[in-house]
Amino acid sequence: MPPATRRSPARRAPVVRKALADRREDLVEAALRVLVRDGVAAATTRAVVAEAGASLSAFHYCFDSREELLVLAAERITDRTLDHVRAGFSVEGDLRTVVVGSLTALWERLEADPHRELIGYELSQYARSHPELRPAVARLFRHYLDVHEQFLTESAAAAGFTWATPVPVLARLINSTLDGLALTWLVDHDGDAAREVLSTLADVLLAAARPS
């Protein structure tokens, strides 16, 4: 009998090693895609690592929990929206021009991609039946308020004004108004009515503005 032919050992796919910050970034972006495309319930740890082309061990090396990752992904949406709104701060004009333009930019982001911009609402509803997510969602909504406070501080600085009403109070006013508008718009899709409310909100904010 002819001698048995020795098979060459199968080549293993090269292991791609990434820095911790890069791997975290991959997973956050993957979580964003899964959240927007499939919703919160579908954004399991396995689904996110599959989307990122990573392993479960890589996930646990980067994050303490799924909840931490989901909130980071939702915060990323808010931060990018604020970056978009900041472009309005450089527009020449009075404080009303800056405030109305910035609020309108916020609203246009929601109209253009409601599934992305409303991830926070879905997370808050999901947390009602998943108590382990509630602390993370509370942190997310604190982040929303921080973002609105940044908006108020930066817009006033850009136009040379200060706020007579405490900024945290005005931040909650903006957040509550946008929440109500978003939920109503999901039903009636009346963008013109939403913009009228934003114009009124700008007038209310301007009543609290004082020259520096």
N, C-alpha and C. Protein backbone atom coordinates (compact mmCIF):
# COMPACT_ATOMS: atom_id res chain seq x y z
N MET A 1 0.85 -1.19 0.00
CA MET A 1 0.00 0.00 0.00
C MET A 1 0.88 1.23 0.00
N PRO A 2 0.47 2.28 -0.72
CA PRO A 2 1.25 3.50 -0.73
C PRO A 2 1.21 4.15 0.64
N PRO A 3 2.32 4.79 1.00
CA PRO A 3 2.34 5.43 2.34
C PRO A 3 1.29 6.52 2.43
N ALA A 4 0.72 6.64 3.60
CA ALA A 4 -0.32 7.66 3.80
C ALA A 4 0.25 9.05 3.55
N THR A 5 -0.54 9.86 2.88
CA THR A 5 -0.12 11.23 2.57
C THR A 5 -0.38 12.12 3.77
N ARG A 6 0.66 12.80 4.21
CA ARG A 6 0.49 13.68 5.36
C ARG A 6 -0.13 14.99 4.90
N ARG A 7 -1.19 15.37 5.55
CA ARG A 7 -1.86 16.63 5.21
C ARG A 7 -1.16 17.80 5.88
N SER A 8 -1.09 18.89 5.16
CA SER A 8 -0.51 20.09 5.74
C SER A 8 -1.47 20.66 6.76
N PRO A 9 -0.96 21.14 7.86
CA PRO A 9 -1.87 21.71 8.89
C PRO A 9 -2.62 22.91 8.33
N ALA A 10 -3.92 22.99 8.67
CA ALA A 10 -4.75 24.10 8.18
C ALA A 10 -4.24 25.41 8.76
N ARG A 11 -4.21 26.40 7.90
CA ARG A 11 -3.76 27.71 8.34
C ARG A 11 -4.85 28.40 9.15
N ARG A 12 -4.47 28.97 10.25
CA ARG A 12 -5.43 29.72 11.05
C ARG A 12 -5.50 31.15 10.57
N ALA A 13 -6.71 31.71 10.66
CA ALA A 13 -6.86 33.12 10.30
C ALA A 13 -6.08 33.96 11.29
N PRO A 14 -5.38 34.96 10.78
CA PRO A 14 -4.60 35.80 11.70
C PRO A 14 -5.48 36.49 12.72
N VAL A 15 -5.01 36.57 13.94
CA VAL A 15 -5.76 37.24 15.00
C VAL A 15 -5.45 38.73 14.94
N VAL A 16 -6.49 39.51 14.79
CA VAL A 16 -6.32 40.96 14.73
C VAL A 16 -6.44 41.51 16.14
N ARG A 17 -5.37 42.09 16.62
CA ARG A 17 -5.37 42.66 17.96
C ARG A 17 -5.50 44.17 17.86
N LYS A 18 -6.40 44.70 18.64
CA LYS A 18 -6.64 46.14 18.62
C LYS A 18 -6.42 46.72 20.01
N ALA A 19 -6.09 47.98 20.03
CA ALA A 19 -5.98 48.68 21.30
C ALA A 19 -7.35 48.73 21.96
N LEU A 20 -7.35 48.83 23.29
CA LEU A 20 -8.62 48.84 24.04
C LEU A 20 -9.54 49.95 23.55
N ALA A 21 -9.02 51.15 23.34
CA ALA A 21 -9.86 52.27 22.91
C ALA A 21 -10.47 51.99 21.54
N ASP A 22 -9.71 51.38 20.64
CA ASP A 22 -10.23 51.07 19.30
C ASP A 22 -11.30 50.00 19.38
N ARG A 23 -11.08 48.99 20.20
CA ARG A 23 -12.08 47.93 20.33
C ARG A 23 -13.37 48.47 20.95
N ARG A 24 -13.23 49.32 21.96
CA ARG A 24 -14.42 49.94 22.56
C ARG A 24 -15.18 50.75 21.51
N GLU A 25 -14.45 51.48 20.71
CA GLU A 25 -15.09 52.29 19.67
C GLU A 25 -15.84 51.41 18.69
N ASP A 26 -15.24 50.31 18.27
CA ASP A 26 -15.91 49.38 17.36
C ASP A 26 -17.22 48.87 17.96
N LEU A 27 -17.18 48.52 19.24
CA LEU A 27 -18.37 47.97 19.88
C LEU A 27 -19.46 49.01 20.07
N VAL A 28 -19.08 50.25 20.41
CA VAL A 28 -20.07 51.31 20.55
C VAL A 28 -20.75 51.58 19.21
N GLU A 29 -19.97 51.66 18.14
CA GLU A 29 -20.55 51.91 16.83
C GLU A 29 -21.42 50.74 16.39
N ALA A 30 -21.01 49.52 16.71
CA ALA A 30 -21.83 48.35 16.39
C ALA A 30 -23.14 48.38 17.16
N ALA A 31 -23.08 48.74 18.45
CA ALA A 31 -24.30 48.84 19.25
C ALA A 31 -25.24 49.89 18.68
N LEU A 32 -24.68 51.00 18.22
CA LEU A 32 -25.51 52.03 17.59
C LEU A 32 -26.26 51.47 16.39
N ARG A 33 -25.55 50.76 15.54
CA ARG A 33 -26.19 50.21 14.33
C ARG A 33 -27.30 49.23 14.69
N VAL A 34 -27.03 48.36 15.67
CA VAL A 34 -28.04 47.38 16.06
C VAL A 34 -29.24 48.07 16.70
N LEU A 35 -29.00 49.05 17.57
CA LEU A 35 -30.10 49.77 18.22
C LEU A 35 -31.01 50.43 17.20
N VAL A 36 -30.41 51.13 16.23
CA VAL A 36 -31.20 51.87 15.24
C VAL A 36 -31.92 50.91 14.30
N ARG A 37 -31.24 49.87 13.91
CA ARG A 37 -31.81 48.95 12.92
C ARG A 37 -32.83 47.98 13.52
N ASP A 38 -32.52 47.46 14.73
CA ASP A 38 -33.31 46.36 15.26
C ASP A 38 -34.02 46.66 16.58
N GLY A 39 -33.65 47.76 17.26
CA GLY A 39 -34.31 48.09 18.51
C GLY A 39 -33.54 47.61 19.73
N VAL A 40 -33.99 48.09 20.89
CA VAL A 40 -33.28 47.81 22.15
C VAL A 40 -33.32 46.33 22.51
N ALA A 41 -34.48 45.70 22.38
CA ALA A 41 -34.61 44.30 22.78
C ALA A 41 -33.66 43.40 21.99
N ALA A 42 -33.42 43.76 20.73
CA ALA A 42 -32.55 42.94 19.87
C ALA A 42 -31.07 43.23 20.08
N ALA A 43 -30.75 44.30 20.81
CA ALA A 43 -29.35 44.69 21.00
C ALA A 43 -28.73 43.89 22.13
N THR A 44 -28.67 42.58 21.96
CA THR A 44 -28.05 41.71 22.95
C THR A 44 -26.53 41.79 22.81
N THR A 45 -25.86 41.29 23.82
CA THR A 45 -24.40 41.29 23.75
C THR A 45 -23.91 40.50 22.54
N ARG A 46 -24.51 39.35 22.30
CA ARG A 46 -24.09 38.53 21.16
C ARG A 46 -24.35 39.23 19.83
N ALA A 47 -25.48 39.93 19.74
CA ALA A 47 -25.79 40.63 18.50
C ALA A 47 -24.79 41.75 18.24
N VAL A 48 -24.40 42.43 19.29
CA VAL A 48 -23.46 43.55 19.13
C VAL A 48 -22.07 43.05 18.75
N VAL A 49 -21.59 42.00 19.41
CA VAL A 49 -20.25 41.51 19.08
C VAL A 49 -20.23 40.91 17.68
N ALA A 50 -21.34 40.29 17.26
CA ALA A 50 -21.40 39.78 15.89
C ALA A 50 -21.36 40.93 14.89
N GLU A 51 -22.07 42.00 15.19
CA GLU A 51 -22.06 43.17 14.31
C GLU A 51 -20.67 43.77 14.23
N ALA A 52 -19.94 43.75 15.33
CA ALA A 52 -18.60 44.34 15.37
C ALA A 52 -17.52 43.40 14.86
N GLY A 53 -17.87 42.13 14.66
CA GLY A 53 -16.86 41.16 14.29
C GLY A 53 -15.88 40.90 15.41
N ALA A 54 -16.39 40.96 16.64
CA ALA A 54 -15.56 40.78 17.82
C ALA A 54 -15.97 39.50 18.55
N SER A 55 -15.37 39.26 19.68
CA SER A 55 -15.70 38.09 20.49
C SER A 55 -16.33 38.53 21.80
N LEU A 56 -17.00 37.58 22.46
CA LEU A 56 -17.58 37.88 23.76
C LEU A 56 -16.50 38.24 24.78
N SER A 57 -15.35 37.60 24.68
CA SER A 57 -14.28 37.92 25.62
C SER A 57 -13.80 39.35 25.41
N ALA A 58 -13.78 39.81 24.15
CA ALA A 58 -13.39 41.20 23.88
C ALA A 58 -14.40 42.16 24.48
N PHE A 59 -15.69 41.81 24.38
CA PHE A 59 -16.72 42.66 24.98
C PHE A 59 -16.51 42.79 26.49
N HIS A 60 -16.32 41.67 27.16
CA HIS A 60 -16.18 41.71 28.62
C HIS A 60 -14.88 42.37 29.05
N TYR A 61 -13.90 42.39 28.15
CA TYR A 61 -12.66 43.10 28.45
C TYR A 61 -12.86 44.61 28.38
N CYS A 62 -13.79 45.04 27.50
CA CYS A 62 -14.00 46.47 27.27
C CYS A 62 -15.08 47.09 28.15
N PHE A 63 -16.09 46.30 28.52
CA PHE A 63 -17.24 46.85 29.22
C PHE A 63 -17.63 45.98 30.40
N ASP A 64 -18.18 46.62 31.40
CA ASP A 64 -18.63 45.89 32.59
C ASP A 64 -19.98 45.22 32.35
N SER A 65 -20.80 45.79 31.47
CA SER A 65 -22.13 45.25 31.26
C SER A 65 -22.70 45.71 29.92
N ARG A 66 -23.73 45.02 29.48
CA ARG A 66 -24.47 45.42 28.28
C ARG A 66 -25.10 46.79 28.48
N GLU A 67 -25.61 47.04 29.69
CA GLU A 67 -26.27 48.31 29.97
C GLU A 67 -25.31 49.48 29.76
N GLU A 68 -24.07 49.33 30.22
CA GLU A 68 -23.07 50.38 30.04
C GLU A 68 -22.87 50.68 28.56
N LEU A 69 -22.77 49.65 27.74
CA LEU A 69 -22.55 49.83 26.31
C LEU A 69 -23.73 50.52 25.65
N LEU A 70 -24.96 50.11 25.98
CA LEU A 70 -26.14 50.70 25.35
C LEU A 70 -26.24 52.19 25.66
N VAL A 71 -25.96 52.56 26.90
CA VAL A 71 -26.04 53.97 27.26
C VAL A 71 -24.94 54.77 26.57
N LEU A 72 -23.75 54.22 26.47
CA LEU A 72 -22.69 54.90 25.75
C LEU A 72 -23.07 55.13 24.29
N ALA A 73 -23.73 54.15 23.69
CA ALA A 73 -24.17 54.30 22.31
C ALA A 73 -25.21 55.40 22.19
N ALA A 74 -26.17 55.44 23.13
CA ALA A 74 -27.20 56.48 23.09
C ALA A 74 -26.59 57.85 23.34
N GLU A 75 -25.61 57.93 24.25
CA GLU A 75 -24.93 59.20 24.49
C GLU A 75 -24.20 59.68 23.24
N ARG A 76 -23.66 58.74 22.47
CA ARG A 76 -22.95 59.10 21.25
C ARG A 76 -23.89 59.83 20.27
N ILE A 77 -25.13 59.38 20.19
CA ILE A 77 -26.11 60.04 19.32
C ILE A 77 -26.30 61.48 19.77
N THR A 78 -26.49 61.67 21.07
CA THR A 78 -26.72 63.01 21.61
C THR A 78 -25.51 63.92 21.38
N ASP A 79 -24.33 63.39 21.59
CA ASP A 79 -23.12 64.19 21.40
C ASP A 79 -22.96 64.62 19.95
N ARG A 80 -23.27 63.73 19.03
CA ARG A 80 -23.15 64.09 17.61
C ARG A 80 -24.21 65.12 17.22
N THR A 81 -25.38 65.03 17.84
CA THR A 81 -26.41 66.03 17.58
C THR A 81 -25.94 67.39 18.07
N LEU A 82 -25.33 67.43 19.25
CA LEU A 82 -24.83 68.70 19.78
C LEU A 82 -23.74 69.27 18.88
N ASP A 83 -22.86 68.40 18.36
CA ASP A 83 -21.83 68.87 17.44
C ASP A 83 -22.47 69.52 16.21
N HIS A 84 -23.56 68.93 15.74
CA HIS A 84 -24.27 69.49 14.59
C HIS A 84 -24.87 70.85 14.94
N VAL A 85 -25.45 70.94 16.13
CA VAL A 85 -26.09 72.19 16.55
C VAL A 85 -25.06 73.29 16.75
N ARG A 86 -23.86 72.93 17.21
CA ARG A 86 -22.82 73.92 17.45
C ARG A 86 -22.50 74.74 16.20
N ALA A 87 -22.75 74.16 15.03
CA ALA A 87 -22.49 74.89 13.79
C ALA A 87 -23.32 76.17 13.73
N GLY A 88 -24.48 76.14 14.40
CA GLY A 88 -25.35 77.32 14.41
C GLY A 88 -24.83 78.44 15.29
N PHE A 89 -23.91 78.13 16.21
CA PHE A 89 -23.39 79.15 17.11
C PHE A 89 -22.53 80.17 16.38
N SER A 90 -21.96 79.75 15.24
CA SER A 90 -21.06 80.64 14.52
C SER A 90 -21.78 81.54 13.53
N VAL A 91 -23.10 81.32 13.39
CA VAL A 91 -23.87 82.14 12.46
C VAL A 91 -24.00 83.56 13.02
N GLU A 92 -23.75 84.55 12.18
CA GLU A 92 -23.84 85.92 12.64
C GLU A 92 -25.31 86.29 12.87
N GLY A 93 -25.56 87.00 13.95
CA GLY A 93 -26.92 87.41 14.25
C GLY A 93 -27.10 87.61 15.73
N ASP A 94 -28.30 88.04 16.11
CA ASP A 94 -28.58 88.26 17.52
C ASP A 94 -28.85 86.93 18.21
N LEU A 95 -29.12 87.02 19.52
CA LEU A 95 -29.31 85.80 20.30
C LEU A 95 -30.50 85.00 19.78
N ARG A 96 -31.57 85.67 19.35
CA ARG A 96 -32.73 84.94 18.86
C ARG A 96 -32.37 84.12 17.62
N THR A 97 -31.59 84.69 16.73
CA THR A 97 -31.17 83.97 15.54
C THR A 97 -30.39 82.71 15.91
N VAL A 98 -29.49 82.87 16.88
CA VAL A 98 -28.68 81.73 17.32
C VAL A 98 -29.55 80.66 17.97
N VAL A 99 -30.44 81.08 18.89
CA VAL A 99 -31.27 80.11 19.63
C VAL A 99 -32.26 79.41 18.71
N VAL A 100 -32.97 80.18 17.87
CA VAL A 100 -33.94 79.56 16.97
C VAL A 100 -33.24 78.63 15.99
N GLY A 101 -32.11 79.08 15.45
CA GLY A 101 -31.37 78.24 14.52
C GLY A 101 -30.90 76.94 15.15
N SER A 102 -30.45 77.02 16.38
CA SER A 102 -29.94 75.83 17.06
C SER A 102 -31.08 74.88 17.43
N LEU A 103 -32.19 75.41 17.93
CA LEU A 103 -33.34 74.55 18.25
C LEU A 103 -33.87 73.89 16.98
N THR A 104 -33.90 74.64 15.88
CA THR A 104 -34.37 74.08 14.62
C THR A 104 -33.44 72.97 14.15
N ALA A 105 -32.13 73.17 14.33
CA ALA A 105 -31.17 72.13 13.95
C ALA A 105 -31.40 70.86 14.77
N LEU A 106 -31.67 71.02 16.06
CA LEU A 106 -32.00 69.86 16.89
C LEU A 106 -33.21 69.12 16.33
N TRP A 107 -34.22 69.90 15.98
CA TRP A 107 -35.46 69.29 15.51
C TRP A 107 -35.28 68.60 14.15
N GLU A 108 -34.51 69.21 13.28
CA GLU A 108 -34.29 68.63 11.96
C GLU A 108 -33.57 67.29 12.05
N ARG A 109 -32.69 67.16 13.02
CA ARG A 109 -32.02 65.88 13.22
C ARG A 109 -33.05 64.80 13.57
N LEU A 110 -34.02 65.14 14.40
CA LEU A 110 -35.03 64.17 14.78
C LEU A 110 -35.92 63.81 13.60
N GLU A 111 -36.35 64.82 12.84
CA GLU A 111 -37.19 64.55 11.68
C GLU A 111 -36.47 63.68 10.65
N ALA A 112 -35.19 63.91 10.48
CA ALA A 112 -34.43 63.20 9.46
C ALA A 112 -34.21 61.73 9.82
N ASP A 113 -34.07 61.44 11.11
CA ASP A 113 -33.77 60.06 11.52
C ASP A 113 -34.37 59.80 12.89
N PRO A 114 -35.70 59.69 12.97
CA PRO A 114 -36.35 59.52 14.27
C PRO A 114 -35.92 58.26 15.00
N HIS A 115 -35.65 57.18 14.28
CA HIS A 115 -35.25 55.94 14.95
C HIS A 115 -33.94 56.14 15.71
N ARG A 116 -33.03 56.91 15.13
CA ARG A 116 -31.76 57.15 15.79
C ARG A 116 -31.93 58.11 16.97
N GLU A 117 -32.65 59.21 16.75
CA GLU A 117 -32.75 60.24 17.76
C GLU A 117 -33.64 59.85 18.94
N LEU A 118 -34.50 58.86 18.75
CA LEU A 118 -35.43 58.49 19.81
C LEU A 118 -35.02 57.21 20.55
N ILE A 119 -33.76 56.82 20.38
CA ILE A 119 -33.28 55.63 21.10
C ILE A 119 -33.45 55.81 22.61
N GLY A 120 -33.25 57.01 23.11
CA GLY A 120 -33.39 57.25 24.55
C GLY A 120 -34.79 56.95 25.05
N TYR A 121 -35.81 57.28 24.25
CA TYR A 121 -37.18 56.97 24.65
C TYR A 121 -37.39 55.46 24.71
N GLU A 122 -36.88 54.76 23.71
CA GLU A 122 -37.04 53.32 23.70
C GLU A 122 -36.33 52.67 24.88
N LEU A 123 -35.14 53.17 25.19
CA LEU A 123 -34.42 52.64 26.34
C LEU A 123 -35.19 52.86 27.64
N SER A 124 -35.81 54.04 27.78
CA SER A 124 -36.55 54.33 29.01
C SER A 124 -37.77 53.43 29.14
N GLN A 125 -38.44 53.15 28.02
CA GLN A 125 -39.59 52.24 28.07
C GLN A 125 -39.14 50.81 28.37
N TYR A 126 -38.05 50.40 27.76
CA TYR A 126 -37.52 49.05 27.97
C TYR A 126 -37.13 48.86 29.43
N ALA A 127 -36.62 49.93 30.04
CA ALA A 127 -36.17 49.84 31.44
C ALA A 127 -37.33 49.63 32.41
N ARG A 128 -38.55 49.94 31.99
CA ARG A 128 -39.70 49.74 32.89
C ARG A 128 -39.86 48.28 33.26
N SER A 129 -39.53 47.38 32.33
CA SER A 129 -39.66 45.95 32.62
C SER A 129 -38.30 45.28 32.81
N HIS A 130 -37.23 46.08 32.78
CA HIS A 130 -35.88 45.54 33.00
C HIS A 130 -35.17 46.44 34.01
N PRO A 131 -35.42 46.22 35.30
CA PRO A 131 -34.89 47.12 36.34
C PRO A 131 -33.38 47.29 36.30
N GLU A 132 -32.66 46.28 35.80
CA GLU A 132 -31.20 46.40 35.78
C GLU A 132 -30.73 47.54 34.87
N LEU A 133 -31.61 47.99 33.97
CA LEU A 133 -31.24 49.06 33.05
C LEU A 133 -31.56 50.45 33.60
N ARG A 134 -32.34 50.53 34.67
CA ARG A 134 -32.81 51.84 35.15
C ARG A 134 -31.69 52.78 35.57
N PRO A 135 -30.69 52.34 36.33
CA PRO A 135 -29.61 53.28 36.68
C PRO A 135 -28.90 53.83 35.44
N ALA A 136 -28.72 52.98 34.44
CA ALA A 136 -28.05 53.43 33.22
C ALA A 136 -28.90 54.45 32.47
N VAL A 137 -30.21 54.24 32.44
CA VAL A 137 -31.10 55.19 31.76
C VAL A 137 -31.15 56.51 32.52
N ALA A 138 -31.13 56.44 33.84
CA ALA A 138 -31.08 57.68 34.63
C ALA A 138 -29.83 58.47 34.29
N ARG A 139 -28.72 57.77 34.12
CA ARG A 139 -27.48 58.43 33.72
C ARG A 139 -27.62 59.04 32.33
N LEU A 140 -28.30 58.33 31.43
CA LEU A 140 -28.49 58.85 30.07
C LEU A 140 -29.28 60.15 30.08
N PHE A 141 -30.37 60.20 30.86
CA PHE A 141 -31.18 61.42 30.87
C PHE A 141 -30.46 62.55 31.60
N ARG A 142 -29.59 62.23 32.53
CA ARG A 142 -28.73 63.26 33.11
C ARG A 142 -27.80 63.82 32.04
N HIS A 143 -27.36 62.96 31.17
CA HIS A 143 -26.51 63.39 30.06
C HIS A 143 -27.28 64.33 29.13
N TYR A 144 -28.55 64.01 28.86
CA TYR A 144 -29.37 64.90 28.03
C TYR A 144 -29.40 66.31 28.63
N LEU A 145 -29.64 66.38 29.94
CA LEU A 145 -29.70 67.69 30.59
C LEU A 145 -28.36 68.40 30.52
N ASP A 146 -27.29 67.65 30.69
CA ASP A 146 -25.95 68.26 30.57
C ASP A 146 -25.74 68.85 29.19
N VAL A 147 -26.21 68.14 28.16
CA VAL A 147 -26.07 68.61 26.79
C VAL A 147 -26.86 69.90 26.58
N HIS A 148 -28.08 69.97 27.12
CA HIS A 148 -28.88 71.19 26.99
C HIS A 148 -28.24 72.35 27.74
N GLU A 149 -27.63 72.04 28.89
CA GLU A 149 -26.93 73.10 29.62
C GLU A 149 -25.74 73.61 28.81
N GLN A 150 -25.04 72.70 28.15
CA GLN A 150 -23.96 73.12 27.26
C GLN A 150 -24.47 74.03 26.15
N PHE A 151 -25.58 73.63 25.56
CA PHE A 151 -26.18 74.42 24.49
C PHE A 151 -26.50 75.82 24.96
N LEU A 152 -27.12 75.93 26.13
CA LEU A 152 -27.48 77.24 26.66
C LEU A 152 -26.25 78.08 26.96
N THR A 153 -25.26 77.47 27.57
CA THR A 153 -24.04 78.20 27.93
C THR A 153 -23.30 78.67 26.68
N GLU A 154 -23.15 77.79 25.71
CA GLU A 154 -22.39 78.12 24.51
C GLU A 154 -23.13 79.11 23.61
N SER A 155 -24.45 78.96 23.51
CA SER A 155 -25.21 79.89 22.65
C SER A 155 -25.19 81.29 23.24
N ALA A 156 -25.31 81.40 24.57
CA ALA A 156 -25.26 82.72 25.20
C ALA A 156 -23.88 83.35 25.03
N ALA A 157 -22.84 82.53 25.20
CA ALA A 157 -21.48 83.06 25.03
C ALA A 157 -21.25 83.53 23.61
N ALA A 158 -21.81 82.81 22.64
CA ALA A 158 -21.61 83.17 21.24
C ALA A 158 -22.28 84.50 20.91
N ALA A 159 -23.39 84.81 21.59
CA ALA A 159 -24.13 86.05 21.30
C ALA A 159 -23.90 87.14 22.34
N GLY A 160 -23.06 86.88 23.35
CA GLY A 160 -22.74 87.91 24.34
C GLY A 160 -23.83 88.15 25.36
N PHE A 161 -24.53 87.08 25.79
CA PHE A 161 -25.59 87.20 26.78
C PHE A 161 -25.34 86.25 27.93
N THR A 162 -26.08 86.46 29.02
CA THR A 162 -26.14 85.51 30.13
C THR A 162 -27.61 85.21 30.38
N TRP A 163 -27.86 84.18 31.20
CA TRP A 163 -29.24 83.79 31.49
C TRP A 163 -29.61 84.23 32.90
N ALA A 164 -30.73 84.95 33.03
CA ALA A 164 -31.21 85.38 34.34
C ALA A 164 -31.82 84.22 35.11
N THR A 165 -32.45 83.28 34.39
CA THR A 165 -32.99 82.07 35.01
C THR A 165 -31.87 81.03 35.08
N PRO A 166 -31.79 80.28 36.17
CA PRO A 166 -30.72 79.28 36.27
C PRO A 166 -30.70 78.34 35.05
N VAL A 167 -29.51 78.10 34.55
CA VAL A 167 -29.35 77.28 33.35
C VAL A 167 -29.95 75.87 33.53
N PRO A 168 -29.80 75.20 34.69
CA PRO A 168 -30.41 73.87 34.84
C PRO A 168 -31.93 73.89 34.68
N VAL A 169 -32.58 74.98 35.12
CA VAL A 169 -34.04 75.09 34.95
C VAL A 169 -34.38 75.21 33.47
N LEU A 170 -33.65 76.06 32.75
CA LEU A 170 -33.90 76.23 31.32
C LEU A 170 -33.60 74.93 30.56
N ALA A 171 -32.60 74.18 31.01
CA ALA A 171 -32.27 72.92 30.36
C ALA A 171 -33.42 71.93 30.47
N ARG A 172 -34.04 71.88 31.65
CA ARG A 172 -35.19 70.98 31.82
C ARG A 172 -36.38 71.45 30.99
N LEU A 173 -36.54 72.76 30.84
CA LEU A 173 -37.61 73.28 29.99
C LEU A 173 -37.41 72.84 28.55
N ILE A 174 -36.19 72.97 28.04
CA ILE A 174 -35.91 72.53 26.67
C ILE A 174 -36.14 71.04 26.52
N ASN A 175 -35.62 70.26 27.48
CA ASN A 175 -35.74 68.81 27.39
C ASN A 175 -37.20 68.38 27.41
N SER A 176 -38.00 68.97 28.29
CA SER A 176 -39.41 68.60 28.40
C SER A 176 -40.18 68.98 27.14
N THR A 177 -39.86 70.16 26.59
CA THR A 177 -40.55 70.60 25.38
C THR A 177 -40.21 69.68 24.21
N LEU A 178 -38.94 69.37 24.04
CA LEU A 178 -38.54 68.50 22.94
C LEU A 178 -39.13 67.10 23.09
N ASP A 179 -39.19 66.60 24.33
CA ASP A 179 -39.80 65.29 24.55
C ASP A 179 -41.26 65.28 24.10
N GLY A 180 -42.00 66.30 24.55
CA GLY A 180 -43.41 66.37 24.18
C GLY A 180 -43.61 66.54 22.68
N LEU A 181 -42.79 67.38 22.06
CA LEU A 181 -42.89 67.58 20.61
C LEU A 181 -42.62 66.28 19.86
N ALA A 182 -41.58 65.57 20.29
CA ALA A 182 -41.20 64.35 19.60
C ALA A 182 -42.32 63.31 19.66
N LEU A 183 -42.89 63.13 20.84
CA LEU A 183 -43.95 62.13 20.98
C LEU A 183 -45.18 62.51 20.17
N THR A 184 -45.51 63.81 20.13
CA THR A 184 -46.64 64.26 19.33
C THR A 184 -46.36 64.10 17.85
N TRP A 185 -45.14 64.45 17.43
CA TRP A 185 -44.78 64.36 16.02
C TRP A 185 -44.81 62.92 15.52
N LEU A 186 -44.49 61.97 16.38
CA LEU A 186 -44.55 60.58 15.98
C LEU A 186 -45.95 60.16 15.57
N VAL A 187 -46.95 60.86 16.10
CA VAL A 187 -48.34 60.55 15.78
C VAL A 187 -48.85 61.36 14.58
N ASP A 188 -48.59 62.70 14.60
CA ASP A 188 -49.21 63.53 13.55
C ASP A 188 -48.25 63.98 12.45
N HIS A 189 -46.96 63.86 12.68
CA HIS A 189 -45.93 64.27 11.69
C HIS A 189 -46.16 65.70 11.20
N ASP A 190 -46.60 66.56 12.08
CA ASP A 190 -46.84 67.96 11.74
C ASP A 190 -45.59 68.77 12.09
N GLY A 191 -44.67 68.83 11.14
CA GLY A 191 -43.43 69.54 11.37
C GLY A 191 -43.61 71.04 11.51
N ASP A 192 -44.59 71.60 10.78
CA ASP A 192 -44.82 73.05 10.86
C ASP A 192 -45.27 73.43 12.27
N ALA A 193 -46.18 72.64 12.84
CA ALA A 193 -46.64 72.92 14.20
C ALA A 193 -45.48 72.81 15.19
N ALA A 194 -44.62 71.83 14.98
CA ALA A 194 -43.47 71.66 15.88
C ALA A 194 -42.56 72.88 15.83
N ARG A 195 -42.35 73.42 14.63
CA ARG A 195 -41.48 74.59 14.50
C ARG A 195 -42.11 75.83 15.16
N GLU A 196 -43.43 75.93 15.13
CA GLU A 196 -44.08 77.04 15.82
C GLU A 196 -43.85 76.96 17.32
N VAL A 197 -43.90 75.74 17.86
CA VAL A 197 -43.64 75.55 19.28
C VAL A 197 -42.19 75.91 19.60
N LEU A 198 -41.27 75.52 18.73
CA LEU A 198 -39.87 75.85 18.95
C LEU A 198 -39.64 77.36 18.92
N SER A 199 -40.36 78.06 18.05
CA SER A 199 -40.25 79.51 18.01
C SER A 199 -40.75 80.13 19.32
N THR A 200 -41.84 79.58 19.84
CA THR A 200 -42.36 80.06 21.13
C THR A 200 -41.38 79.75 22.26
N LEU A 201 -40.79 78.56 22.21
CA LEU A 201 -39.79 78.21 23.21
C LEU A 201 -38.62 79.18 23.17
N ALA A 202 -38.21 79.57 21.97
CA ALA A 202 -37.12 80.55 21.84
C ALA A 202 -37.50 81.87 22.50
N ASP A 203 -38.76 82.29 22.31
CA ASP A 203 -39.21 83.55 22.95
C ASP A 203 -39.15 83.44 24.47
N VAL A 204 -39.55 82.30 25.00
CA VAL A 204 -39.50 82.09 26.45
C VAL A 204 -38.05 82.14 26.94
N LEU A 205 -37.15 81.51 26.20
CA LEU A 205 -35.75 81.53 26.59
C LEU A 205 -35.18 82.94 26.53
N LEU A 206 -35.55 83.67 25.48
CA LEU A 206 -35.02 85.02 25.32
C LEU A 206 -35.49 85.97 26.43
N ALA A 207 -36.66 85.68 26.98
CA ALA A 207 -37.14 86.50 28.09
C ALA A 207 -36.24 86.36 29.32
N ALA A 208 -35.45 85.28 29.35
CA ALA A 208 -34.53 85.07 30.47
C ALA A 208 -33.11 85.48 30.13
N ALA A 209 -32.92 86.11 28.96
CA ALA A 209 -31.58 86.50 28.54
C ALA A 209 -31.28 87.94 28.96
N ARG A 210 -30.04 88.16 29.37
CA ARG A 210 -29.61 89.49 29.75
C ARG A 210 -28.24 89.76 29.10
N PRO A 211 -28.01 91.01 28.66
CA PRO A 211 -26.69 91.31 28.07
C PRO A 211 -25.59 91.07 29.10
N SER A 212 -24.47 90.58 28.63
CA SER A 212 -23.34 90.32 29.54
C SER A 212 -22.81 91.63 30.08
